[in-house]
Amino acid sequence: MLSIIIPVFNEHESLVQLHAEITQVCVPQLIEHEIIFVDDGSKDGSWQIIQQLSQSDPKVSGIRFRRNFGKAAALTAGLAAAKGDLLMMMDADLQDDPVEIPRFIARTKEGFDVVNGWKVRRLDPWHKVYPSKVFNWMVGRLTGLKLHDHNCGFKCFRKALAGEIRLYGELHRFVPVLAFARGFSVSEIEVHHRSRQFGYSKYGFNRFVRGFLDLLTVKFLTGFGQRPQHLLGTTGLLCFGAGTLGLLYLACVWMFGHALHPMLAQIGLASKVWESHPIGGRPLLAYSVATLLLGAQLLSLGFLAELIVANTSRETDTFSVADRTHG
């Protein structure tokens, strides 16, 4: 069965049409499905529409939040309530075309665990399209998973993945990356993107700032989540080493300038390079001490992070099982 999870936030105008389009696609093609609307604190009557749809169609169910908690929270609630073997995420603003649903299912039947949508012809303003292209390039470079449209909310994946990832903040857009890091196979298909018919975009410029910060979080979680000392400790050792070298250099300058200079001057071997200069006023001293202390702090944080991981991580956090023998 296919579970279609749709976060809703002040989109009452599109819900009836979206439900009708999904039904027109799934029923004729005998796609067993359920539709889970998650009302993320709407104030425009969206919940009343969801209640009406659930009363008229047993395949529809709804979840209502007390206030707006964000898209990731809405998707998490929907994933927890889903009963299907395949899970699909799509937006409620009608920009995702339900006609694409059979193509997503067909791609999963080819053996892929996650299928991500790719809005080839994106009908959004230029100030959203071009930054998104830069963002997709950055995600590919940092994570190793190169997709054309990580931001696309139209995704389909197997239920096994839902039990192995945790969505919070803005991490819902990184579902393919999180899956890829755990060994799931990821693919993408071109999807039809429609222009907005109702409402307005819920995302502004700050979305890109949050997206970049979340990208760094995902990179850390997928690359060093179980071995934080490898990142913090390596950086700490580099800083500690740089600070130590700086202090050693200043020590040599002091030694030659203060201790050896008078002796060398007596035998005529004094050099202006080693003339007496106080090292206390040199910027290098402050930089070296600060770098040395920063390195020590990073090493300490790395040890603390390792202790936290060792004492709080679950067994399922460190590996992903694809299959088991029976009997």
C-alpha atoms as a PDB file:
ATOM      1  CA  MET A   1       0.000   0.000   0.000  1.00  0.00           C
ATOM      2  CA  LEU A   2       1.084   3.556  -0.694  1.00  0.00           C
ATOM      3  CA  SER A   3       0.845   6.125   2.109  1.00  0.00           C
ATOM      4  CA  ILE A   4       0.747   9.692   0.809  1.00  0.00           C
ATOM      5  CA  ILE A   5       1.745  12.185   3.509  1.00  0.00           C
ATOM      6  CA  ILE A   6       0.766  15.797   2.883  1.00  0.00           C
ATOM      7  CA  PRO A   7       1.727  18.608   5.291  1.00  0.00           C
ATOM      8  CA  VAL A   8      -0.854  21.398   5.307  1.00  0.00           C
ATOM      9  CA  PHE A   9      -0.430  24.974   6.436  1.00  0.00           C
ATOM     10  CA  ASN A  10      -3.193  27.444   5.483  1.00  0.00           C
ATOM     11  CA  GLU A  11      -4.038  25.726   2.190  1.00  0.00           C
ATOM     12  CA  HIS A  12      -7.771  25.095   2.406  1.00  0.00           C
ATOM     13  CA  GLU A  13      -8.334  26.247  -1.201  1.00  0.00           C
ATOM     14  CA  SER A  14      -6.312  23.406  -2.717  1.00  0.00           C
ATOM     15  CA  LEU A  15      -7.193  20.399  -0.545  1.00  0.00           C
ATOM     16  CA  VAL A  16     -10.398  19.289  -2.279  1.00  0.00           C
ATOM     17  CA  GLN A  17      -8.809  19.517  -5.725  1.00  0.00           C
ATOM     18  CA  LEU A  18      -5.654  17.717  -4.571  1.00  0.00           C
ATOM     19  CA  HIS A  19      -7.693  14.873  -3.085  1.00  0.00           C
ATOM     20  CA  ALA A  20      -9.720  14.556  -6.291  1.00  0.00           C
ATOM     21  CA  GLU A  21      -6.575  14.429  -8.455  1.00  0.00           C
ATOM     22  CA  ILE A  22      -4.943  11.770  -6.287  1.00  0.00           C
ATOM     23  CA  THR A  23      -8.114   9.672  -6.400  1.00  0.00           C
ATOM     24  CA  GLN A  24      -8.384  10.039 -10.184  1.00  0.00           C
ATOM     25  CA  VAL A  25      -4.855   8.679 -10.534  1.00  0.00           C
ATOM     26  CA  CYS A  26      -4.834   5.895  -7.943  1.00  0.00           C
ATOM     27  CA  VAL A  27      -8.312   4.356  -8.278  1.00  0.00           C
ATOM     28  CA  PRO A  28      -8.290   3.586 -12.032  1.00  0.00           C
ATOM     29  CA  GLN A  29      -4.787   2.102 -11.780  1.00  0.00           C
ATOM     30  CA  LEU A  30      -5.757  -0.008  -8.739  1.00  0.00           C
ATOM     31  CA  ILE A  31      -3.132   1.609  -6.520  1.00  0.00           C
ATOM     32  CA  GLU A  32      -4.052   0.804  -2.934  1.00  0.00           C
ATOM     33  CA  HIS A  33      -3.412   3.974  -1.021  1.00  0.00           C
ATOM     34  CA  GLU A  34      -4.130   6.162   1.962  1.00  0.00           C
ATOM     35  CA  ILE A  35      -3.872   9.937   2.237  1.00  0.00           C
ATOM     36  CA  ILE A  36      -2.652  11.449   5.484  1.00  0.00           C
ATOM     37  CA  PHE A  37      -3.146  15.195   5.814  1.00  0.00           C
ATOM     38  CA  VAL A  38      -1.152  16.766   8.642  1.00  0.00           C
ATOM     39  CA  ASP A  39      -2.496  20.185   9.592  1.00  0.00           C
ATOM     40  CA  ASP A  40       0.505  22.115  10.860  1.00  0.00           C
ATOM     41  CA  GLY A  41      -1.410  24.722  12.858  1.00  0.00           C
ATOM     42  CA  SER A  42      -3.507  26.214  10.038  1.00  0.00           C
ATOM     43  CA  LYS A  43      -5.744  29.193  10.823  1.00  0.00           C
ATOM     44  CA  ASP A  44      -7.765  29.307   7.595  1.00  0.00           C
ATOM     45  CA  GLY A  45     -10.193  26.408   7.922  1.00  0.00           C
ATOM     46  CA  SER A  46      -7.944  23.708   6.455  1.00  0.00           C
ATOM     47  CA  TRP A  47      -8.804  21.335   9.301  1.00  0.00           C
ATOM     48  CA  GLN A  48     -12.522  21.586   8.555  1.00  0.00           C
ATOM     49  CA  ILE A  49     -11.826  20.606   4.932  1.00  0.00           C
ATOM     50  CA  ILE A  50      -9.697  17.666   6.077  1.00  0.00           C
ATOM     51  CA  GLN A  51     -12.488  16.493   8.385  1.00  0.00           C
ATOM     52  CA  GLN A  52     -14.990  16.627   5.522  1.00  0.00           C
ATOM     53  CA  LEU A  53     -12.674  14.656   3.228  1.00  0.00           C
ATOM     54  CA  SER A  54     -12.064  11.988   5.881  1.00  0.00           C
ATOM     55  CA  GLN A  55     -15.823  11.572   6.378  1.00  0.00           C
ATOM     56  CA  SER A  56     -16.484  11.174   2.663  1.00  0.00           C
ATOM     57  CA  ASP A  57     -13.456   9.003   1.871  1.00  0.00           C
ATOM     58  CA  PRO A  58     -12.240   6.256   4.276  1.00  0.00           C
ATOM     59  CA  LYS A  59      -8.820   6.405   2.648  1.00  0.00           C
ATOM     60  CA  VAL A  60      -8.292   9.896   4.071  1.00  0.00           C
ATOM     61  CA  SER A  61      -7.124  10.573   7.621  1.00  0.00           C
ATOM     62  CA  GLY A  62      -5.985  13.730   9.320  1.00  0.00           C
ATOM     63  CA  ILE A  63      -3.659  14.847  12.091  1.00  0.00           C
ATOM     64  CA  ARG A  64      -3.917  18.303  13.601  1.00  0.00           C
ATOM     65  CA  PHE A  65      -1.160  20.133  15.488  1.00  0.00           C
ATOM     66  CA  ARG A  66      -1.974  22.589  18.252  1.00  0.00           C
ATOM     67  CA  ARG A  67       0.274  25.163  16.585  1.00  0.00           C
ATOM     68  CA  ASN A  68       2.754  25.449  13.725  1.00  0.00           C
ATOM     69  CA  PHE A  69       5.694  23.132  14.392  1.00  0.00           C
ATOM     70  CA  GLY A  70       7.224  23.075  10.907  1.00  0.00           C
ATOM     71  CA  LYS A  71       7.224  20.783   7.908  1.00  0.00           C
ATOM     72  CA  ALA A  72       9.681  18.268   9.354  1.00  0.00           C
ATOM     73  CA  ALA A  73       7.468  17.745  12.411  1.00  0.00           C
ATOM     74  CA  ALA A  74       4.401  17.331  10.215  1.00  0.00           C
ATOM     75  CA  LEU A  75       6.142  14.733   8.063  1.00  0.00           C
ATOM     76  CA  THR A  76       7.386  12.894  11.155  1.00  0.00           C
ATOM     77  CA  ALA A  77       3.831  12.646  12.495  1.00  0.00           C
ATOM     78  CA  GLY A  78       2.613  11.425   9.124  1.00  0.00           C
ATOM     79  CA  LEU A  79       5.354   8.813   8.841  1.00  0.00           C
ATOM     80  CA  ALA A  80       4.507   7.494  12.299  1.00  0.00           C
ATOM     81  CA  ALA A  81       0.844   7.083  11.321  1.00  0.00           C
ATOM     82  CA  ALA A  82       1.476   5.592   7.868  1.00  0.00           C
ATOM     83  CA  LYS A  83       0.463   1.980   7.249  1.00  0.00           C
ATOM     84  CA  GLY A  84       1.809   1.540   3.720  1.00  0.00           C
ATOM     85  CA  ASP A  85       4.896  -0.289   2.530  1.00  0.00           C
ATOM     86  CA  LEU A  86       5.719   2.711   0.351  1.00  0.00           C
ATOM     87  CA  LEU A  87       5.682   6.248   1.703  1.00  0.00           C
ATOM     88  CA  MET A  88       5.287   9.362  -0.396  1.00  0.00           C
ATOM     89  CA  MET A  89       5.766  12.990   0.594  1.00  0.00           C
ATOM     90  CA  MET A  90       4.170  15.746  -1.436  1.00  0.00           C
ATOM     91  CA  ASP A  91       3.113  19.344  -0.906  1.00  0.00           C
ATOM     92  CA  ALA A  92      -0.479  20.538  -0.623  1.00  0.00           C
ATOM     93  CA  ASP A  93      -0.138  23.608  -2.869  1.00  0.00           C
ATOM     94  CA  LEU A  94      -0.910  21.671  -6.125  1.00  0.00           C
ATOM     95  CA  GLN A  95       2.556  22.323  -7.536  1.00  0.00           C
ATOM     96  CA  ASP A  96       3.299  18.587  -7.236  1.00  0.00           C
ATOM     97  CA  ASP A  97       1.305  16.759  -9.912  1.00  0.00           C
ATOM     98  CA  PRO A  98      -0.335  13.496  -8.674  1.00  0.00           C
ATOM     99  CA  VAL A  99      -0.077  12.147 -12.236  1.00  0.00           C
ATOM    100  CA  GLU A 100       3.548  11.331 -11.388  1.00  0.00           C
ATOM    101  CA  ILE A 101       2.608   8.870  -8.612  1.00  0.00           C
ATOM    102  CA  PRO A 102       2.658   5.708 -10.804  1.00  0.00           C
ATOM    103  CA  ARG A 103       6.108   6.664 -12.128  1.00  0.00           C
ATOM    104  CA  PHE A 104       7.483   6.907  -8.602  1.00  0.00           C
ATOM    105  CA  ILE A 105       6.071   3.470  -7.792  1.00  0.00           C
ATOM    106  CA  ALA A 106       7.490   2.021 -11.002  1.00  0.00           C
ATOM    107  CA  ARG A 107      10.967   3.290 -10.170  1.00  0.00           C
ATOM    108  CA  THR A 108      10.856   1.690  -6.704  1.00  0.00           C
ATOM    109  CA  LYS A 109       9.934  -1.609  -8.389  1.00  0.00           C
ATOM    110  CA  GLU A 110      13.234  -1.354 -10.265  1.00  0.00           C
ATOM    111  CA  GLY A 111      14.950  -1.887  -6.916  1.00  0.00           C
ATOM    112  CA  PHE A 112      15.488   1.641  -5.626  1.00  0.00           C
ATOM    113  CA  ASP A 113      14.732   2.439  -1.993  1.00  0.00           C
ATOM    114  CA  VAL A 114      14.329   6.202  -2.430  1.00  0.00           C
ATOM    115  CA  VAL A 115      13.052   8.086  -5.471  1.00  0.00           C
ATOM    116  CA  ASN A 116      13.461  11.856  -5.498  1.00  0.00           C
ATOM    117  CA  GLY A 117      11.594  14.211  -7.794  1.00  0.00           C
ATOM    118  CA  TRP A 118      13.415  16.529 -10.204  1.00  0.00           C
ATOM    119  CA  LYS A 119      11.538  19.624 -11.298  1.00  0.00           C
ATOM    120  CA  VAL A 120      13.240  20.024 -14.666  1.00  0.00           C
ATOM    121  CA  ARG A 121      11.127  22.999 -15.692  1.00  0.00           C
ATOM    122  CA  ARG A 122      10.606  24.757 -12.416  1.00  0.00           C
ATOM    123  CA  LEU A 123       7.866  27.373 -12.410  1.00  0.00           C
ATOM    124  CA  ASP A 124       9.204  29.544  -9.613  1.00  0.00           C
ATOM    125  CA  PRO A 125      10.731  33.043  -9.534  1.00  0.00           C
ATOM    126  CA  TRP A 126      14.383  33.333 -10.584  1.00  0.00           C
ATOM    127  CA  HIS A 127      15.451  34.347  -7.081  1.00  0.00           C
ATOM    128  CA  LYS A 128      14.375  30.890  -5.896  1.00  0.00           C
ATOM    129  CA  VAL A 129      15.557  28.863  -8.900  1.00  0.00           C
ATOM    130  CA  TYR A 130      19.201  29.968  -9.147  1.00  0.00           C
ATOM    131  CA  PRO A 131      20.049  29.827  -5.424  1.00  0.00           C
ATOM    132  CA  SER A 132      18.479  26.370  -5.422  1.00  0.00           C
ATOM    133  CA  LYS A 133      20.859  25.250  -8.177  1.00  0.00           C
ATOM    134  CA  VAL A 134      23.825  26.460  -6.151  1.00  0.00           C
ATOM    135  CA  PHE A 135      22.456  24.685  -3.093  1.00  0.00           C
ATOM    136  CA  ASN A 136      22.033  21.397  -4.996  1.00  0.00           C
ATOM    137  CA  TRP A 137      25.621  21.635  -6.232  1.00  0.00           C
ATOM    138  CA  MET A 138      26.879  22.207  -2.697  1.00  0.00           C
ATOM    139  CA  VAL A 139      24.904  19.242  -1.348  1.00  0.00           C
ATOM    140  CA  GLY A 140      26.359  16.994  -4.037  1.00  0.00           C
ATOM    141  CA  ARG A 141      29.908  18.129  -3.345  1.00  0.00           C
ATOM    142  CA  LEU A 142      29.673  17.781   0.442  1.00  0.00           C
ATOM    143  CA  THR A 143      27.683  14.548   0.683  1.00  0.00           C
ATOM    144  CA  GLY A 144      28.656  12.654  -2.464  1.00  0.00           C
ATOM    145  CA  LEU A 145      25.011  12.214  -3.533  1.00  0.00           C
ATOM    146  CA  LYS A 146      24.536  14.210  -6.713  1.00  0.00           C
ATOM    147  CA  LEU A 147      20.873  14.905  -7.432  1.00  0.00           C
ATOM    148  CA  HIS A 148      19.451  17.696  -9.539  1.00  0.00           C
ATOM    149  CA  ASP A 149      16.817  18.797  -7.037  1.00  0.00           C
ATOM    150  CA  HIS A 150      17.358  18.004  -3.361  1.00  0.00           C
ATOM    151  CA  ASN A 151      14.779  20.680  -2.504  1.00  0.00           C
ATOM    152  CA  CYS A 152      11.938  18.890  -4.287  1.00  0.00           C
ATOM    153  CA  GLY A 153       9.279  17.898  -1.742  1.00  0.00           C
ATOM    154  CA  PHE A 154       7.974  15.131  -4.017  1.00  0.00           C
ATOM    155  CA  LYS A 155       9.666  11.959  -2.728  1.00  0.00           C
ATOM    156  CA  CYS A 156       8.855   8.264  -2.428  1.00  0.00           C
ATOM    157  CA  PHE A 157      10.677   5.705  -0.295  1.00  0.00           C
ATOM    158  CA  ARG A 158      10.265   2.375   1.450  1.00  0.00           C
ATOM    159  CA  LYS A 159       8.923   2.228   4.983  1.00  0.00           C
ATOM    160  CA  ALA A 160      12.136   0.631   6.258  1.00  0.00           C
ATOM    161  CA  LEU A 161      13.860   3.979   5.813  1.00  0.00           C
ATOM    162  CA  ALA A 162      11.352   5.815   8.001  1.00  0.00           C
ATOM    163  CA  GLY A 163      12.455   3.812  11.031  1.00  0.00           C
ATOM    164  CA  GLU A 164      16.127   4.656  10.525  1.00  0.00           C
ATOM    165  CA  ILE A 165      16.127   8.424  10.075  1.00  0.00           C
ATOM    166  CA  ARG A 166      14.954  11.251  12.307  1.00  0.00           C
ATOM    167  CA  LEU A 167      13.567  14.428  10.783  1.00  0.00           C
ATOM    168  CA  TYR A 168      13.762  17.733  12.602  1.00  0.00           C
ATOM    169  CA  GLY A 169      14.518  21.342  11.722  1.00  0.00           C
ATOM    170  CA  GLU A 170      14.772  21.451   7.916  1.00  0.00           C
ATOM    171  CA  LEU A 171      16.163  17.930   7.472  1.00  0.00           C
ATOM    172  CA  HIS A 172      13.142  16.738   5.488  1.00  0.00           C
ATOM    173  CA  ARG A 173      14.803  18.000   2.310  1.00  0.00           C
ATOM    174  CA  PHE A 174      17.799  15.755   3.045  1.00  0.00           C
ATOM    175  CA  VAL A 175      15.905  12.447   3.153  1.00  0.00           C
ATOM    176  CA  PRO A 176      17.830  11.096   0.106  1.00  0.00           C
ATOM    177  CA  VAL A 177      21.157  12.161   1.651  1.00  0.00           C
ATOM    178  CA  LEU A 178      20.347  10.528   4.999  1.00  0.00           C
ATOM    179  CA  ALA A 179      19.220   7.380   3.180  1.00  0.00           C
ATOM    180  CA  PHE A 180      22.323   7.323   0.997  1.00  0.00           C
ATOM    181  CA  ALA A 181      24.550   7.596   4.073  1.00  0.00           C
ATOM    182  CA  ARG A 182      22.921   4.466   5.506  1.00  0.00           C
ATOM    183  CA  GLY A 183      23.379   2.440   2.325  1.00  0.00           C
ATOM    184  CA  PHE A 184      19.926   2.776   0.745  1.00  0.00           C
ATOM    185  CA  SER A 185      19.800   3.068  -3.044  1.00  0.00           C
ATOM    186  CA  VAL A 186      18.666   6.463  -4.321  1.00  0.00           C
ATOM    187  CA  SER A 187      17.350   7.507  -7.714  1.00  0.00           C
ATOM    188  CA  GLU A 188      15.466  10.454  -9.213  1.00  0.00           C
ATOM    189  CA  ILE A 189      12.845  11.004 -11.879  1.00  0.00           C
ATOM    190  CA  GLU A 190      11.803  14.076 -13.817  1.00  0.00           C
ATOM    191  CA  VAL A 191       8.465  15.397 -12.597  1.00  0.00           C
ATOM    192  CA  HIS A 192       6.007  17.938 -13.903  1.00  0.00           C
ATOM    193  CA  HIS A 193       6.050  21.107 -11.830  1.00  0.00           C
ATOM    194  CA  ARG A 194       2.949  23.279 -11.891  1.00  0.00           C
ATOM    195  CA  SER A 195       2.621  26.971 -11.172  1.00  0.00           C
ATOM    196  CA  ARG A 196       1.112  28.061  -7.875  1.00  0.00           C
ATOM    197  CA  GLN A 197      -2.676  28.433  -8.023  1.00  0.00           C
ATOM    198  CA  PHE A 198      -3.493  29.447  -4.459  1.00  0.00           C
ATOM    199  CA  GLY A 199      -1.771  31.071  -1.519  1.00  0.00           C
ATOM    200  CA  TYR A 200       1.860  32.106  -1.356  1.00  0.00           C
ATOM    201  CA  SER A 201       5.258  30.574  -0.742  1.00  0.00           C
ATOM    202  CA  LYS A 202       6.011  29.871   2.917  1.00  0.00           C
ATOM    203  CA  TYR A 203       9.747  30.291   2.375  1.00  0.00           C
ATOM    204  CA  GLY A 204      11.831  33.446   2.132  1.00  0.00           C
ATOM    205  CA  PHE A 205      15.514  34.291   1.925  1.00  0.00           C
ATOM    206  CA  ASN A 206      16.165  32.897   5.401  1.00  0.00           C
ATOM    207  CA  ARG A 207      15.334  29.471   3.998  1.00  0.00           C
ATOM    208  CA  PHE A 208      18.701  29.401   2.238  1.00  0.00           C
ATOM    209  CA  VAL A 209      20.564  30.376   5.400  1.00  0.00           C
ATOM    210  CA  ARG A 210      18.807  27.618   7.349  1.00  0.00           C
ATOM    211  CA  GLY A 211      19.369  25.220   4.484  1.00  0.00           C
ATOM    212  CA  PHE A 212      23.119  25.840   4.474  1.00  0.00           C
ATOM    213  CA  LEU A 213      23.354  25.368   8.238  1.00  0.00           C
ATOM    214  CA  ASP A 214      21.310  22.163   8.003  1.00  0.00           C
ATOM    215  CA  LEU A 215      23.607  20.977   5.220  1.00  0.00           C
ATOM    216  CA  LEU A 216      26.571  21.352   7.560  1.00  0.00           C
ATOM    217  CA  THR A 217      24.607  19.453  10.210  1.00  0.00           C
ATOM    218  CA  VAL A 218      23.826  16.619   7.784  1.00  0.00           C
ATOM    219  CA  LYS A 219      27.456  16.453   6.679  1.00  0.00           C
ATOM    220  CA  PHE A 220      28.551  16.146  10.306  1.00  0.00           C
ATOM    221  CA  LEU A 221      25.861  13.584  11.189  1.00  0.00           C
ATOM    222  CA  THR A 222      26.475  11.377   8.148  1.00  0.00           C
ATOM    223  CA  GLY A 223      30.261  11.697   8.156  1.00  0.00           C
ATOM    224  CA  PHE A 224      31.168  11.957  11.832  1.00  0.00           C
ATOM    225  CA  GLY A 225      28.012  11.149  13.786  1.00  0.00           C
ATOM    226  CA  GLN A 226      29.575   8.026  15.299  1.00  0.00           C
ATOM    227  CA  ARG A 227      33.155   9.332  15.396  1.00  0.00           C
ATOM    228  CA  PRO A 228      33.083  13.040  16.267  1.00  0.00           C
ATOM    229  CA  GLN A 229      36.680  13.008  17.486  1.00  0.00           C
ATOM    230  CA  HIS A 230      37.844  12.374  13.920  1.00  0.00           C
ATOM    231  CA  LEU A 231      36.636  15.851  12.978  1.00  0.00           C
ATOM    232  CA  LEU A 232      37.067  17.773  16.209  1.00  0.00           C
ATOM    233  CA  GLY A 233      40.288  16.013  17.139  1.00  0.00           C
ATOM    234  CA  THR A 234      41.887  16.478  13.716  1.00  0.00           C
ATOM    235  CA  THR A 235      41.053  20.179  13.724  1.00  0.00           C
ATOM    236  CA  GLY A 236      42.227  20.432  17.315  1.00  0.00           C
ATOM    237  CA  LEU A 237      45.557  18.760  16.543  1.00  0.00           C
ATOM    238  CA  LEU A 238      46.147  21.117  13.622  1.00  0.00           C
ATOM    239  CA  CYS A 239      45.450  24.166  15.791  1.00  0.00           C
ATOM    240  CA  PHE A 240      47.492  22.755  18.674  1.00  0.00           C
ATOM    241  CA  GLY A 241      50.402  22.013  16.357  1.00  0.00           C
ATOM    242  CA  ALA A 242      50.278  25.456  14.733  1.00  0.00           C
ATOM    243  CA  GLY A 243      50.242  27.149  18.132  1.00  0.00           C
ATOM    244  CA  THR A 244      53.131  25.026  19.357  1.00  0.00           C
ATOM    245  CA  LEU A 245      55.242  25.820  16.286  1.00  0.00           C
ATOM    246  CA  GLY A 246      54.581  29.529  16.756  1.00  0.00           C
ATOM    247  CA  LEU A 247      55.671  29.419  20.372  1.00  0.00           C
ATOM    248  CA  LEU A 248      58.779  27.373  19.488  1.00  0.00           C
ATOM    249  CA  TYR A 249      59.729  29.947  16.888  1.00  0.00           C
ATOM    250  CA  LEU A 250      59.362  32.764  19.420  1.00  0.00           C
ATOM    251  CA  ALA A 251      61.402  30.766  21.923  1.00  0.00           C
ATOM    252  CA  CYS A 252      64.207  30.449  19.371  1.00  0.00           C
ATOM    253  CA  VAL A 253      64.046  34.169  18.651  1.00  0.00           C
ATOM    254  CA  TRP A 254      64.285  34.944  22.366  1.00  0.00           C
ATOM    255  CA  MET A 255      67.140  32.497  22.861  1.00  0.00           C
ATOM    256  CA  PHE A 256      69.234  33.901  20.051  1.00  0.00           C
ATOM    257  CA  GLY A 257      68.235  37.481  20.767  1.00  0.00           C
ATOM    258  CA  HIS A 258      68.771  37.507  24.507  1.00  0.00           C
ATOM    259  CA  ALA A 259      71.041  34.647  25.412  1.00  0.00           C
ATOM    260  CA  LEU A 260      73.364  34.123  22.439  1.00  0.00           C
ATOM    261  CA  HIS A 261      73.506  37.627  20.987  1.00  0.00           C
ATOM    262  CA  PRO A 262      75.998  39.035  23.544  1.00  0.00           C
ATOM    263  CA  MET A 263      78.235  35.984  23.178  1.00  0.00           C
ATOM    264  CA  LEU A 264      78.148  36.099  19.386  1.00  0.00           C
ATOM    265  CA  ALA A 265      78.840  39.825  19.474  1.00  0.00           C
ATOM    266  CA  GLN A 266      82.097  39.225  21.371  1.00  0.00           C
ATOM    267  CA  ILE A 267      83.441  37.003  18.587  1.00  0.00           C
ATOM    268  CA  GLY A 268      82.042  39.175  15.799  1.00  0.00           C
ATOM    269  CA  LEU A 269      79.318  36.784  14.619  1.00  0.00           C
ATOM    270  CA  ALA A 270      76.253  38.798  15.711  1.00  0.00           C
ATOM    271  CA  SER A 271      73.537  39.203  13.108  1.00  0.00           C
ATOM    272  CA  LYS A 272      70.837  41.815  12.848  1.00  0.00           C
ATOM    273  CA  VAL A 273      68.357  38.996  12.389  1.00  0.00           C
ATOM    274  CA  TRP A 274      68.920  37.936  15.969  1.00  0.00           C
ATOM    275  CA  GLU A 275      69.100  41.377  17.508  1.00  0.00           C
ATOM    276  CA  SER A 276      67.310  41.779  20.788  1.00  0.00           C
ATOM    277  CA  HIS A 277      63.582  42.369  20.216  1.00  0.00           C
ATOM    278  CA  PRO A 278      61.017  41.766  22.972  1.00  0.00           C
ATOM    279  CA  ILE A 279      58.634  38.985  21.977  1.00  0.00           C
ATOM    280  CA  GLY A 280      55.936  40.079  24.410  1.00  0.00           C
ATOM    281  CA  GLY A 281      54.675  42.731  21.982  1.00  0.00           C
ATOM    282  CA  ARG A 282      54.680  40.529  18.886  1.00  0.00           C
ATOM    283  CA  PRO A 283      51.240  39.606  17.433  1.00  0.00           C
ATOM    284  CA  LEU A 284      52.525  36.094  16.772  1.00  0.00           C
ATOM    285  CA  LEU A 285      52.636  35.446  20.515  1.00  0.00           C
ATOM    286  CA  ALA A 286      48.932  36.200  20.974  1.00  0.00           C
ATOM    287  CA  TYR A 287      47.991  34.222  17.869  1.00  0.00           C
ATOM    288  CA  SER A 288      50.062  31.220  18.924  1.00  0.00           C
ATOM    289  CA  VAL A 289      48.651  31.128  22.449  1.00  0.00           C
ATOM    290  CA  ALA A 290      45.067  31.511  21.173  1.00  0.00           C
ATOM    291  CA  THR A 291      45.566  28.777  18.562  1.00  0.00           C
ATOM    292  CA  LEU A 292      47.137  26.473  21.149  1.00  0.00           C
ATOM    293  CA  LEU A 293      44.207  26.958  23.534  1.00  0.00           C
ATOM    294  CA  LEU A 294      41.679  26.494  20.703  1.00  0.00           C
ATOM    295  CA  GLY A 295      43.316  23.204  19.761  1.00  0.00           C
ATOM    296  CA  ALA A 296      43.178  21.997  23.355  1.00  0.00           C
ATOM    297  CA  GLN A 297      39.494  22.944  23.605  1.00  0.00           C
ATOM    298  CA  LEU A 298      38.618  21.140  20.379  1.00  0.00           C
ATOM    299  CA  LEU A 299      40.404  18.009  21.557  1.00  0.00           C
ATOM    300  CA  SER A 300      38.511  18.180  24.843  1.00  0.00           C
ATOM    301  CA  LEU A 301      35.194  18.641  23.013  1.00  0.00           C
ATOM    302  CA  GLY A 302      36.058  15.657  20.850  1.00  0.00           C
ATOM    303  CA  PHE A 303      36.582  13.451  23.904  1.00  0.00           C
ATOM    304  CA  LEU A 304      33.310  14.657  25.434  1.00  0.00           C
ATOM    305  CA  ALA A 305      31.467  13.995  22.164  1.00  0.00           C
ATOM    306  CA  GLU A 306      32.932  10.481  22.040  1.00  0.00           C
ATOM    307  CA  LEU A 307      31.718   9.847  25.596  1.00  0.00           C
ATOM    308  CA  ILE A 308      28.214  11.032  24.684  1.00  0.00           C
ATOM    309  CA  VAL A 309      28.089   8.837  21.578  1.00  0.00           C
ATOM    310  CA  ALA A 310      29.408   5.816  23.472  1.00  0.00           C
ATOM    311  CA  ASN A 311      26.840   6.138  26.257  1.00  0.00           C
ATOM    312  CA  THR A 312      23.731   7.297  24.397  1.00  0.00           C
ATOM    313  CA  SER A 313      23.860   5.823  20.884  1.00  0.00           C
ATOM    314  CA  ARG A 314      21.574   2.941  20.067  1.00  0.00           C
ATOM    315  CA  GLU A 315      22.606  -0.174  18.208  1.00  0.00           C
ATOM    316  CA  THR A 316      20.397   0.794  15.281  1.00  0.00           C
ATOM    317  CA  ASP A 317      22.267   4.086  14.926  1.00  0.00           C
ATOM    318  CA  THR A 318      25.427   2.461  13.612  1.00  0.00           C
ATOM    319  CA  PHE A 319      24.238   0.138  10.830  1.00  0.00           C
ATOM    320  CA  SER A 320      21.344  -0.662   8.536  1.00  0.00           C
ATOM    321  CA  VAL A 321      20.065  -4.207   7.894  1.00  0.00           C
ATOM    322  CA  ALA A 322      18.862  -4.904   4.358  1.00  0.00           C
ATOM    323  CA  ASP A 323      17.544  -8.451   4.882  1.00  0.00           C
ATOM    324  CA  ARG A 324      17.590 -11.466   7.173  1.00  0.00           C
ATOM    325  CA  THR A 325      17.451 -15.206   6.641  1.00  0.00           C
ATOM    326  CA  HIS A 326      14.359 -17.052   7.850  1.00  0.00           C
ATOM    327  CA  GLY A 327      14.236 -20.426   9.542  1.00  0.00           C
END
